[in-house]
Amino acid sequence: MKNESIIRVFTGSAVLLSLALTYLLDPWWLTLAAFVGFNSVQSAASDFCLVDYFFRTLLPEGTHHRPSTSAPSQ
């Protein structure tokens, strides 16, 4: 799975979790959804995504997709 797909799953899950926690516990959990939405807009504008940064720095090499710099061999 590519990083972009992982990030979409992560952000969508965070928003759904935020909505569930808001319904079940406290309306302040909507701040999580606001943070995720703000980060999505910011990453589209600046090409820097905090979640992608964490995936690249925290996960061991080989567990996430890095685009190759050379053309695929045939």
C-alpha atoms as a PDB file:
ATOM      1  CA  MET A   1       0.000   0.000   0.000  1.00  0.00           C
ATOM      2  CA  LYS A   2       1.360   3.412  -0.907  1.00  0.00           C
ATOM      3  CA  ASN A   3       1.949   6.139   1.665  1.00  0.00           C
ATOM      4  CA  GLU A   4      -0.866   8.242   0.199  1.00  0.00           C
ATOM      5  CA  SER A   5      -3.370   5.422   0.682  1.00  0.00           C
ATOM      6  CA  ILE A   6      -2.154   4.780   4.225  1.00  0.00           C
ATOM      7  CA  ILE A   7      -2.492   8.476   5.037  1.00  0.00           C
ATOM      8  CA  ARG A   8      -6.047   8.587   3.658  1.00  0.00           C
ATOM      9  CA  VAL A   9      -7.039   5.554   5.741  1.00  0.00           C
ATOM     10  CA  PHE A  10      -5.396   7.069   8.832  1.00  0.00           C
ATOM     11  CA  THR A  11      -7.057  10.483   8.460  1.00  0.00           C
ATOM     12  CA  GLY A  12     -10.461   9.017   7.641  1.00  0.00           C
ATOM     13  CA  SER A  13     -10.246   6.733  10.650  1.00  0.00           C
ATOM     14  CA  ALA A  14      -9.199   9.629  12.887  1.00  0.00           C
ATOM     15  CA  VAL A  15     -12.210  11.687  11.798  1.00  0.00           C
ATOM     16  CA  LEU A  16     -14.622   8.776  12.316  1.00  0.00           C
ATOM     17  CA  LEU A  17     -13.093   8.047  15.717  1.00  0.00           C
ATOM     18  CA  SER A  18     -13.454  11.716  16.624  1.00  0.00           C
ATOM     19  CA  LEU A  19     -17.126  11.690  15.670  1.00  0.00           C
ATOM     20  CA  ALA A  20     -17.784   8.527  17.664  1.00  0.00           C
ATOM     21  CA  LEU A  21     -15.996   9.898  20.736  1.00  0.00           C
ATOM     22  CA  THR A  22     -17.921  13.170  20.397  1.00  0.00           C
ATOM     23  CA  TYR A  23     -21.221  11.297  20.343  1.00  0.00           C
ATOM     24  CA  LEU A  24     -20.294   8.956  23.198  1.00  0.00           C
ATOM     25  CA  LEU A  25     -18.193  11.112  25.529  1.00  0.00           C
ATOM     26  CA  ASP A  26     -17.625  14.815  25.040  1.00  0.00           C
ATOM     27  CA  PRO A  27     -18.070  17.448  22.290  1.00  0.00           C
ATOM     28  CA  TRP A  28     -14.444  18.531  22.735  1.00  0.00           C
ATOM     29  CA  TRP A  29     -13.410  15.487  20.689  1.00  0.00           C
ATOM     30  CA  LEU A  30     -14.435  17.506  17.621  1.00  0.00           C
ATOM     31  CA  THR A  31     -11.117  19.316  18.006  1.00  0.00           C
ATOM     32  CA  LEU A  32      -9.427  16.119  16.770  1.00  0.00           C
ATOM     33  CA  ALA A  33     -11.524  16.230  13.590  1.00  0.00           C
ATOM     34  CA  ALA A  34     -10.697  19.929  13.207  1.00  0.00           C
ATOM     35  CA  PHE A  35      -6.967  19.216  13.578  1.00  0.00           C
ATOM     36  CA  VAL A  36      -7.099  16.414  11.014  1.00  0.00           C
ATOM     37  CA  GLY A  37      -9.038  18.617   8.577  1.00  0.00           C
ATOM     38  CA  PHE A  38      -6.642  21.530   9.061  1.00  0.00           C
ATOM     39  CA  ASN A  39      -3.644  19.242   8.521  1.00  0.00           C
ATOM     40  CA  SER A  40      -5.192  17.893   5.310  1.00  0.00           C
ATOM     41  CA  VAL A  41      -5.700  21.391   3.910  1.00  0.00           C
ATOM     42  CA  GLN A  42      -2.219  22.463   5.030  1.00  0.00           C
ATOM     43  CA  SER A  43      -0.575  19.416   3.433  1.00  0.00           C
ATOM     44  CA  ALA A  44      -2.348  20.080   0.136  1.00  0.00           C
ATOM     45  CA  ALA A  45      -1.126  23.676   0.142  1.00  0.00           C
ATOM     46  CA  SER A  46       2.469  23.089   1.238  1.00  0.00           C
ATOM     47  CA  ASP A  47       3.289  19.492   0.201  1.00  0.00           C
ATOM     48  CA  PHE A  48       4.292  18.714   3.806  1.00  0.00           C
ATOM     49  CA  CYS A  49       2.244  16.116   5.639  1.00  0.00           C
ATOM     50  CA  LEU A  50       2.887  15.511   9.317  1.00  0.00           C
ATOM     51  CA  VAL A  51       1.547  11.934   9.164  1.00  0.00           C
ATOM     52  CA  ASP A  52       3.817  11.105   6.217  1.00  0.00           C
ATOM     53  CA  TYR A  53       6.766  12.566   8.129  1.00  0.00           C
ATOM     54  CA  PHE A  54       6.014  10.305  11.098  1.00  0.00           C
ATOM     55  CA  PHE A  55       5.652   7.256   8.842  1.00  0.00           C
ATOM     56  CA  ARG A  56       9.016   7.943   7.224  1.00  0.00           C
ATOM     57  CA  THR A  57      10.875   8.591  10.480  1.00  0.00           C
ATOM     58  CA  LEU A  58       9.263   6.182  12.952  1.00  0.00           C
ATOM     59  CA  LEU A  59       8.608   3.060  10.910  1.00  0.00           C
ATOM     60  CA  PRO A  60      11.524   0.734  10.126  1.00  0.00           C
ATOM     61  CA  GLU A  61      12.890   0.691   6.595  1.00  0.00           C
ATOM     62  CA  GLY A  62      10.920  -1.561   4.256  1.00  0.00           C
ATOM     63  CA  THR A  63       7.580  -1.293   6.076  1.00  0.00           C
ATOM     64  CA  HIS A  64       6.371   1.664   4.049  1.00  0.00           C
ATOM     65  CA  HIS A  65       6.480   2.513   0.374  1.00  0.00           C
ATOM     66  CA  ARG A  66       9.117   4.910  -0.893  1.00  0.00           C
ATOM     67  CA  PRO A  67       8.850   5.863  -4.539  1.00  0.00           C
ATOM     68  CA  SER A  68      11.785   4.688  -6.621  1.00  0.00           C
ATOM     69  CA  THR A  69      13.959   7.238  -8.345  1.00  0.00           C
ATOM     70  CA  SER A  70      14.717   5.075 -11.361  1.00  0.00           C
ATOM     71  CA  ALA A  71      12.445   3.799 -14.089  1.00  0.00           C
ATOM     72  CA  PRO A  72      11.134   0.266 -13.576  1.00  0.00           C
ATOM     73  CA  SER A  73      13.174  -2.410 -15.331  1.00  0.00           C
ATOM     74  CA  GLN A  74      11.503  -4.742 -17.779  1.00  0.00           C
END
